Amino acid sequence: MNCSTAQNINHQISHSTAKQNNMAADALSAAMHWRYAVRRFSQQQVSAQDIHTLTEAVRMSPSAYGLQPYELLVVSSSELRGQLLAHSYGQDKIADCSHLMVFASYRDIDESLLDRYVALAAEARGLHVDELASYASQVRDALAALRTEQRAASAINQAFLALGTLVASAALLGIDCCPMSGFDAEGYDQVLGLSQRGLTAAVICAVGYRHPEDGTAHYPRVRVPRHDWLREY
């Protein structure tokens, strides 16, 4: 599926129509076998249209209670990526990739995120916020039962869930990436000014195109055999 196809999909598509237009299983399988964690990027840039498609896929990613307790930062500035390189344990791909995606999770899932969701849901569904009071109360009680650190951990989990959407979407578009959790989050927070906004860098992903001399592209993919990994009941 190319960018123009993805962007022309009717946003009001029905469940039955969506099922009929699913991408062929062999295309999905091919994309996931083609992708790998790129070690060396070329200088080719990902188009603005493709970046929009990828970020929109992430925005539509599933999230617990629909709260989306994270933000996505798309860093294209070479100067800023150079500053982040100092907090990336020497991983040059931070500076060499086309774009660096930073998933920044909220340090707490508080009332403001719930209020935001309720307001957006009411607007989208043509309701008054009072009609969602029961749902809001259930979510509020569930969050109140968790300690602050547990809510923060949940926010990080949601960011990783969105990362999976990014990785799969990039593969389907023929775009390379390398997700990374090995970096100094405090350093990223300082460079990007995240702390003062109640955020922290949870996970990052370099996006671009593989360098023709990246030898790891030809390595056999190593995964646990299905019979040792898959359990069906």
C-alpha atoms as a PDB file:
ATOM      1  CA  MET A   1       0.000   0.000   0.000  1.00  0.00           C
ATOM      2  CA  ASN A   2       1.524   3.340  -1.017  1.00  0.00           C
ATOM      3  CA  CYS A   3       0.974   6.713   0.616  1.00  0.00           C
ATOM      4  CA  SER A   4      -1.635   7.940  -1.839  1.00  0.00           C
ATOM      5  CA  THR A   5      -3.650   4.764  -1.349  1.00  0.00           C
ATOM      6  CA  ALA A   6      -3.437   5.031   2.427  1.00  0.00           C
ATOM      7  CA  GLN A   7      -4.485   8.681   2.429  1.00  0.00           C
ATOM      8  CA  ASN A   8      -7.412   8.065   0.094  1.00  0.00           C
ATOM      9  CA  ILE A   9      -9.038   5.504   2.372  1.00  0.00           C
ATOM     10  CA  ASN A  10     -12.450   6.754   3.438  1.00  0.00           C
ATOM     11  CA  HIS A  11     -12.254   7.672   7.118  1.00  0.00           C
ATOM     12  CA  GLN A  12     -15.880   6.594   7.498  1.00  0.00           C
ATOM     13  CA  ILE A  13     -15.130   3.079   6.227  1.00  0.00           C
ATOM     14  CA  SER A  14     -17.393   0.427   7.713  1.00  0.00           C
ATOM     15  CA  HIS A  15     -16.161  -2.643   9.564  1.00  0.00           C
ATOM     16  CA  SER A  16     -17.429  -4.938   6.806  1.00  0.00           C
ATOM     17  CA  THR A  17     -15.760  -2.896   4.067  1.00  0.00           C
ATOM     18  CA  ALA A  18     -12.522  -2.746   6.030  1.00  0.00           C
ATOM     19  CA  LYS A  19     -12.536  -6.522   6.332  1.00  0.00           C
ATOM     20  CA  GLN A  20     -13.091  -6.934   2.590  1.00  0.00           C
ATOM     21  CA  ASN A  21     -10.161  -4.621   1.804  1.00  0.00           C
ATOM     22  CA  ASN A  22      -7.612  -6.159   4.142  1.00  0.00           C
ATOM     23  CA  MET A  23      -4.123  -6.350   2.735  1.00  0.00           C
ATOM     24  CA  ALA A  24      -3.292  -9.813   1.425  1.00  0.00           C
ATOM     25  CA  ALA A  25      -1.691 -12.043   4.033  1.00  0.00           C
ATOM     26  CA  ASP A  26       1.342 -12.682   1.859  1.00  0.00           C
ATOM     27  CA  ALA A  27       2.022  -8.931   1.537  1.00  0.00           C
ATOM     28  CA  LEU A  28       1.908  -8.488   5.311  1.00  0.00           C
ATOM     29  CA  SER A  29       4.161 -11.489   5.842  1.00  0.00           C
ATOM     30  CA  ALA A  30       6.622 -10.235   3.221  1.00  0.00           C
ATOM     31  CA  ALA A  31       6.797  -6.791   4.830  1.00  0.00           C
ATOM     32  CA  MET A  32       7.501  -8.205   8.296  1.00  0.00           C
ATOM     33  CA  HIS A  33      10.185 -10.556   6.971  1.00  0.00           C
ATOM     34  CA  TRP A  34      11.741  -7.715   4.959  1.00  0.00           C
ATOM     35  CA  ARG A  35      12.144  -5.347   7.900  1.00  0.00           C
ATOM     36  CA  TYR A  36      15.014  -5.461  10.366  1.00  0.00           C
ATOM     37  CA  ALA A  37      16.587  -3.132  12.927  1.00  0.00           C
ATOM     38  CA  VAL A  38      18.713  -0.989  10.613  1.00  0.00           C
ATOM     39  CA  ARG A  39      22.267  -0.435  11.780  1.00  0.00           C
ATOM     40  CA  ARG A  40      23.285   2.064   9.102  1.00  0.00           C
ATOM     41  CA  PHE A  41      21.051   4.522   7.287  1.00  0.00           C
ATOM     42  CA  SER A  42      21.547   6.111   3.882  1.00  0.00           C
ATOM     43  CA  GLN A  43      21.150   9.847   3.307  1.00  0.00           C
ATOM     44  CA  GLN A  44      17.834   9.343   1.507  1.00  0.00           C
ATOM     45  CA  GLN A  45      15.058  11.287   3.195  1.00  0.00           C
ATOM     46  CA  VAL A  46      11.578  10.039   3.948  1.00  0.00           C
ATOM     47  CA  SER A  47       9.037  12.282   2.236  1.00  0.00           C
ATOM     48  CA  ALA A  48       6.783  14.593   4.232  1.00  0.00           C
ATOM     49  CA  GLN A  49       3.794  12.669   2.887  1.00  0.00           C
ATOM     50  CA  ASP A  50       5.151   9.368   4.177  1.00  0.00           C
ATOM     51  CA  ILE A  51       5.987  10.892   7.558  1.00  0.00           C
ATOM     52  CA  HIS A  52       2.408  12.145   7.758  1.00  0.00           C
ATOM     53  CA  THR A  53       1.109   8.657   6.937  1.00  0.00           C
ATOM     54  CA  LEU A  54       3.304   7.070   9.606  1.00  0.00           C
ATOM     55  CA  THR A  55       2.403   9.575  12.305  1.00  0.00           C
ATOM     56  CA  GLU A  56      -1.287   9.232  11.490  1.00  0.00           C
ATOM     57  CA  ALA A  57      -0.974   5.450  11.869  1.00  0.00           C
ATOM     58  CA  VAL A  58       0.574   6.014  15.302  1.00  0.00           C
ATOM     59  CA  ARG A  59      -2.192   8.462  16.233  1.00  0.00           C
ATOM     60  CA  MET A  60      -4.765   5.785  15.417  1.00  0.00           C
ATOM     61  CA  SER A  61      -2.935   3.180  17.495  1.00  0.00           C
ATOM     62  CA  PRO A  62      -4.905   1.453  20.285  1.00  0.00           C
ATOM     63  CA  SER A  63      -4.558   2.881  23.770  1.00  0.00           C
ATOM     64  CA  ALA A  64      -5.972   1.882  27.157  1.00  0.00           C
ATOM     65  CA  TYR A  65      -9.234   3.759  27.784  1.00  0.00           C
ATOM     66  CA  GLY A  66      -8.427   5.765  24.647  1.00  0.00           C
ATOM     67  CA  LEU A  67      -6.384   8.226  26.743  1.00  0.00           C
ATOM     68  CA  GLN A  68      -3.190   8.232  24.598  1.00  0.00           C
ATOM     69  CA  PRO A  69      -0.932   9.163  27.550  1.00  0.00           C
ATOM     70  CA  TYR A  70       2.057  10.036  25.370  1.00  0.00           C
ATOM     71  CA  GLU A  71       3.134  12.446  22.663  1.00  0.00           C
ATOM     72  CA  LEU A  72       5.093  11.754  19.497  1.00  0.00           C
ATOM     73  CA  LEU A  73       7.989  14.041  18.671  1.00  0.00           C
ATOM     74  CA  VAL A  74       9.307  13.932  15.099  1.00  0.00           C
ATOM     75  CA  VAL A  75      12.868  15.258  15.108  1.00  0.00           C
ATOM     76  CA  SER A  76      14.125  16.163  11.641  1.00  0.00           C
ATOM     77  CA  SER A  77      16.566  18.869  12.749  1.00  0.00           C
ATOM     78  CA  SER A  78      20.113  17.602  12.282  1.00  0.00           C
ATOM     79  CA  GLU A  79      21.315  20.068  14.913  1.00  0.00           C
ATOM     80  CA  LEU A  80      18.882  18.772  17.501  1.00  0.00           C
ATOM     81  CA  ARG A  81      19.640  15.146  16.653  1.00  0.00           C
ATOM     82  CA  GLY A  82      23.302  15.967  17.103  1.00  0.00           C
ATOM     83  CA  GLN A  83      22.536  17.095  20.645  1.00  0.00           C
ATOM     84  CA  LEU A  84      20.531  13.920  21.277  1.00  0.00           C
ATOM     85  CA  LEU A  85      23.407  11.786  19.984  1.00  0.00           C
ATOM     86  CA  ALA A  86      25.351  12.722  23.115  1.00  0.00           C
ATOM     87  CA  HIS A  87      22.656  10.928  25.131  1.00  0.00           C
ATOM     88  CA  SER A  88      22.321   7.924  22.813  1.00  0.00           C
ATOM     89  CA  TYR A  89      25.304   5.813  23.835  1.00  0.00           C
ATOM     90  CA  GLY A  90      27.168   6.562  20.617  1.00  0.00           C
ATOM     91  CA  GLN A  91      24.526   5.184  18.256  1.00  0.00           C
ATOM     92  CA  ASP A  92      25.266   7.154  15.082  1.00  0.00           C
ATOM     93  CA  LYS A  93      21.960   6.209  13.509  1.00  0.00           C
ATOM     94  CA  ILE A  94      20.389   8.907  15.699  1.00  0.00           C
ATOM     95  CA  ALA A  95      22.161  11.530  13.597  1.00  0.00           C
ATOM     96  CA  ASP A  96      22.262   9.655  10.278  1.00  0.00           C
ATOM     97  CA  CYS A  97      18.610   8.643   9.923  1.00  0.00           C
ATOM     98  CA  SER A  98      16.032  10.713   8.060  1.00  0.00           C
ATOM     99  CA  HIS A  99      13.802  11.372  11.079  1.00  0.00           C
ATOM    100  CA  LEU A 100      13.982  10.420  14.736  1.00  0.00           C
ATOM    101  CA  MET A 101      10.696   9.546  16.417  1.00  0.00           C
ATOM    102  CA  VAL A 102      10.604  10.098  20.176  1.00  0.00           C
ATOM    103  CA  PHE A 103       7.689   8.638  22.116  1.00  0.00           C
ATOM    104  CA  ALA A 104       7.335  10.765  25.240  1.00  0.00           C
ATOM    105  CA  SER A 105       4.997   9.363  27.892  1.00  0.00           C
ATOM    106  CA  TYR A 106       3.298  11.346  30.620  1.00  0.00           C
ATOM    107  CA  ARG A 107       4.782  10.938  34.080  1.00  0.00           C
ATOM    108  CA  ASP A 108       1.259  10.485  35.409  1.00  0.00           C
ATOM    109  CA  ILE A 109      -2.135   9.723  33.883  1.00  0.00           C
ATOM    110  CA  ASP A 110      -4.151  12.411  35.612  1.00  0.00           C
ATOM    111  CA  GLU A 111      -7.594  13.980  35.395  1.00  0.00           C
ATOM    112  CA  SER A 112      -6.576  16.260  32.534  1.00  0.00           C
ATOM    113  CA  LEU A 113      -6.029  13.326  30.166  1.00  0.00           C
ATOM    114  CA  LEU A 114      -9.369  11.818  31.095  1.00  0.00           C
ATOM    115  CA  ASP A 115     -11.129  15.172  30.686  1.00  0.00           C
ATOM    116  CA  ARG A 116      -9.502  15.588  27.274  1.00  0.00           C
ATOM    117  CA  TYR A 117     -10.725  12.186  26.128  1.00  0.00           C
ATOM    118  CA  VAL A 118     -14.265  12.757  27.375  1.00  0.00           C
ATOM    119  CA  ALA A 119     -14.450  16.119  25.605  1.00  0.00           C
ATOM    120  CA  LEU A 120     -13.132  14.653  22.348  1.00  0.00           C
ATOM    121  CA  ALA A 121     -15.431  11.616  22.577  1.00  0.00           C
ATOM    122  CA  ALA A 122     -18.470  13.795  23.210  1.00  0.00           C
ATOM    123  CA  GLU A 123     -17.628  15.994  20.236  1.00  0.00           C
ATOM    124  CA  ALA A 124     -16.969  13.055  17.921  1.00  0.00           C
ATOM    125  CA  ARG A 125     -20.176  11.261  18.888  1.00  0.00           C
ATOM    126  CA  GLY A 126     -22.441  14.277  19.101  1.00  0.00           C
ATOM    127  CA  LEU A 127     -23.034  13.874  22.824  1.00  0.00           C
ATOM    128  CA  HIS A 128     -22.947  16.100  25.866  1.00  0.00           C
ATOM    129  CA  VAL A 129     -20.079  15.345  28.223  1.00  0.00           C
ATOM    130  CA  ASP A 130     -22.613  14.507  30.945  1.00  0.00           C
ATOM    131  CA  GLU A 131     -23.726  11.521  28.877  1.00  0.00           C
ATOM    132  CA  LEU A 132     -20.246  10.053  29.319  1.00  0.00           C
ATOM    133  CA  ALA A 133     -20.163  10.634  33.064  1.00  0.00           C
ATOM    134  CA  SER A 134     -20.606   6.945  33.911  1.00  0.00           C
ATOM    135  CA  TYR A 135     -17.687   5.923  31.698  1.00  0.00           C
ATOM    136  CA  ALA A 136     -15.524   8.745  33.037  1.00  0.00           C
ATOM    137  CA  SER A 137     -16.294   7.658  36.606  1.00  0.00           C
ATOM    138  CA  GLN A 138     -15.278   4.064  35.874  1.00  0.00           C
ATOM    139  CA  VAL A 139     -11.981   5.141  34.354  1.00  0.00           C
ATOM    140  CA  ARG A 140     -11.341   7.619  37.160  1.00  0.00           C
ATOM    141  CA  ASP A 141     -11.850   4.895  39.772  1.00  0.00           C
ATOM    142  CA  ALA A 142      -9.582   2.475  37.887  1.00  0.00           C
ATOM    143  CA  LEU A 143      -6.796   5.054  37.702  1.00  0.00           C
ATOM    144  CA  ALA A 144      -7.236   6.098  41.335  1.00  0.00           C
ATOM    145  CA  ALA A 145      -6.656   2.480  42.377  1.00  0.00           C
ATOM    146  CA  LEU A 146      -3.125   2.669  40.945  1.00  0.00           C
ATOM    147  CA  ARG A 147      -0.096   4.307  42.490  1.00  0.00           C
ATOM    148  CA  THR A 148       1.527   7.177  40.593  1.00  0.00           C
ATOM    149  CA  GLU A 149       4.416   4.973  39.496  1.00  0.00           C
ATOM    150  CA  GLN A 150       1.968   2.369  38.208  1.00  0.00           C
ATOM    151  CA  ARG A 151       0.154   4.973  36.129  1.00  0.00           C
ATOM    152  CA  ALA A 152       3.502   6.184  34.788  1.00  0.00           C
ATOM    153  CA  ALA A 153       4.429   2.603  33.850  1.00  0.00           C
ATOM    154  CA  SER A 154       1.079   2.204  32.106  1.00  0.00           C
ATOM    155  CA  ALA A 155       1.781   5.338  30.055  1.00  0.00           C
ATOM    156  CA  ILE A 156       5.122   3.889  28.974  1.00  0.00           C
ATOM    157  CA  ASN A 157       3.394   0.645  27.987  1.00  0.00           C
ATOM    158  CA  GLN A 158       0.989   2.601  25.783  1.00  0.00           C
ATOM    159  CA  ALA A 159       3.938   4.303  24.087  1.00  0.00           C
ATOM    160  CA  PHE A 160       5.504   0.920  23.318  1.00  0.00           C
ATOM    161  CA  LEU A 161       2.182  -0.253  21.918  1.00  0.00           C
ATOM    162  CA  ALA A 162       2.200   2.728  19.556  1.00  0.00           C
ATOM    163  CA  LEU A 163       5.809   1.946  18.642  1.00  0.00           C
ATOM    164  CA  GLY A 164       4.647  -1.446  17.362  1.00  0.00           C
ATOM    165  CA  THR A 165       2.166   0.310  15.104  1.00  0.00           C
ATOM    166  CA  LEU A 166       4.949   2.531  13.764  1.00  0.00           C
ATOM    167  CA  VAL A 167       7.287  -0.386  13.056  1.00  0.00           C
ATOM    168  CA  ALA A 168       4.637  -2.435  11.224  1.00  0.00           C
ATOM    169  CA  SER A 169       3.359   0.566   9.290  1.00  0.00           C
ATOM    170  CA  ALA A 170       6.854   1.524   8.180  1.00  0.00           C
ATOM    171  CA  ALA A 171       7.481  -2.002   6.916  1.00  0.00           C
ATOM    172  CA  LEU A 172       4.259  -1.939   4.899  1.00  0.00           C
ATOM    173  CA  LEU A 173       5.358   1.341   3.300  1.00  0.00           C
ATOM    174  CA  GLY A 174       8.840   0.019   2.522  1.00  0.00           C
ATOM    175  CA  ILE A 175      10.443   2.400   5.022  1.00  0.00           C
ATOM    176  CA  ASP A 176      13.210   1.234   7.324  1.00  0.00           C
ATOM    177  CA  CYS A 177      13.465   1.904  11.029  1.00  0.00           C
ATOM    178  CA  CYS A 178      15.288   0.949  14.182  1.00  0.00           C
ATOM    179  CA  PRO A 179      13.416   1.058  17.501  1.00  0.00           C
ATOM    180  CA  MET A 180      15.638   1.713  20.510  1.00  0.00           C
ATOM    181  CA  SER A 181      15.239   1.755  24.259  1.00  0.00           C
ATOM    182  CA  GLY A 182      18.961   2.125  24.939  1.00  0.00           C
ATOM    183  CA  PHE A 183      19.383   5.857  25.543  1.00  0.00           C
ATOM    184  CA  ASP A 184      19.642   8.302  28.431  1.00  0.00           C
ATOM    185  CA  ALA A 185      16.051   9.383  29.026  1.00  0.00           C
ATOM    186  CA  GLU A 186      17.050  12.202  31.378  1.00  0.00           C
ATOM    187  CA  GLY A 187      19.356  13.624  28.712  1.00  0.00           C
ATOM    188  CA  TYR A 188      16.587  13.460  26.108  1.00  0.00           C
ATOM    189  CA  ASP A 189      14.165  15.096  28.529  1.00  0.00           C
ATOM    190  CA  GLN A 190      16.591  17.966  29.044  1.00  0.00           C
ATOM    191  CA  VAL A 191      17.355  18.535  25.356  1.00  0.00           C
ATOM    192  CA  LEU A 192      13.710  18.340  24.297  1.00  0.00           C
ATOM    193  CA  GLY A 193      12.294  20.214  27.294  1.00  0.00           C
ATOM    194  CA  LEU A 194      10.038  17.335  28.274  1.00  0.00           C
ATOM    195  CA  SER A 195      10.173  17.448  32.066  1.00  0.00           C
ATOM    196  CA  GLN A 196       8.472  20.821  32.350  1.00  0.00           C
ATOM    197  CA  ARG A 197       5.578  19.443  30.317  1.00  0.00           C
ATOM    198  CA  GLY A 198       5.162  16.395  32.551  1.00  0.00           C
ATOM    199  CA  LEU A 199       6.669  14.058  29.953  1.00  0.00           C
ATOM    200  CA  THR A 200       9.646  11.717  29.716  1.00  0.00           C
ATOM    201  CA  ALA A 201      11.232   9.964  26.752  1.00  0.00           C
ATOM    202  CA  ALA A 202       9.974   6.366  26.810  1.00  0.00           C
ATOM    203  CA  VAL A 203      11.316   4.851  23.590  1.00  0.00           C
ATOM    204  CA  ILE A 204      12.739   6.147  20.310  1.00  0.00           C
ATOM    205  CA  CYS A 205      12.772   4.983  16.716  1.00  0.00           C
ATOM    206  CA  ALA A 206      15.098   6.050  13.913  1.00  0.00           C
ATOM    207  CA  VAL A 207      13.328   6.170  10.539  1.00  0.00           C
ATOM    208  CA  GLY A 208      14.805   6.290   7.045  1.00  0.00           C
ATOM    209  CA  TYR A 209      16.247   3.957   4.420  1.00  0.00           C
ATOM    210  CA  ARG A 210      18.922   1.315   4.837  1.00  0.00           C
ATOM    211  CA  HIS A 211      22.398   2.059   3.554  1.00  0.00           C
ATOM    212  CA  PRO A 212      23.422  -0.247   0.675  1.00  0.00           C
ATOM    213  CA  GLU A 213      26.523  -1.162   2.670  1.00  0.00           C
ATOM    214  CA  ASP A 214      24.643  -2.117   5.838  1.00  0.00           C
ATOM    215  CA  GLY A 215      25.733  -5.743   5.969  1.00  0.00           C
ATOM    216  CA  THR A 216      23.234  -6.634   8.683  1.00  0.00           C
ATOM    217  CA  ALA A 217      20.450  -6.296   6.097  1.00  0.00           C
ATOM    218  CA  HIS A 218      21.506  -9.682   4.731  1.00  0.00           C
ATOM    219  CA  TYR A 219      21.680 -11.476   8.041  1.00  0.00           C
ATOM    220  CA  PRO A 220      19.162 -14.314   8.411  1.00  0.00           C
ATOM    221  CA  ARG A 221      16.295 -13.271  10.686  1.00  0.00           C
ATOM    222  CA  VAL A 222      16.615 -14.993  14.054  1.00  0.00           C
ATOM    223  CA  ARG A 223      13.378 -15.839  15.831  1.00  0.00           C
ATOM    224  CA  VAL A 224      12.307 -18.627  18.183  1.00  0.00           C
ATOM    225  CA  PRO A 225      10.766 -21.481  16.126  1.00  0.00           C
ATOM    226  CA  ARG A 226       6.975 -21.466  16.094  1.00  0.00           C
ATOM    227  CA  HIS A 227       6.739 -24.863  17.777  1.00  0.00           C
ATOM    228  CA  ASP A 228       8.783 -23.545  20.749  1.00  0.00           C
ATOM    229  CA  TRP A 229       7.031 -20.191  20.930  1.00  0.00           C
ATOM    230  CA  LEU A 230       3.384 -20.543  19.946  1.00  0.00           C
ATOM    231  CA  ARG A 231       0.847 -22.173  22.252  1.00  0.00           C
ATOM    232  CA  GLU A 232      -2.668 -22.738  20.991  1.00  0.00           C
ATOM    233  CA  TYR A 233      -5.533 -23.739  23.244  1.00  0.00           C
END
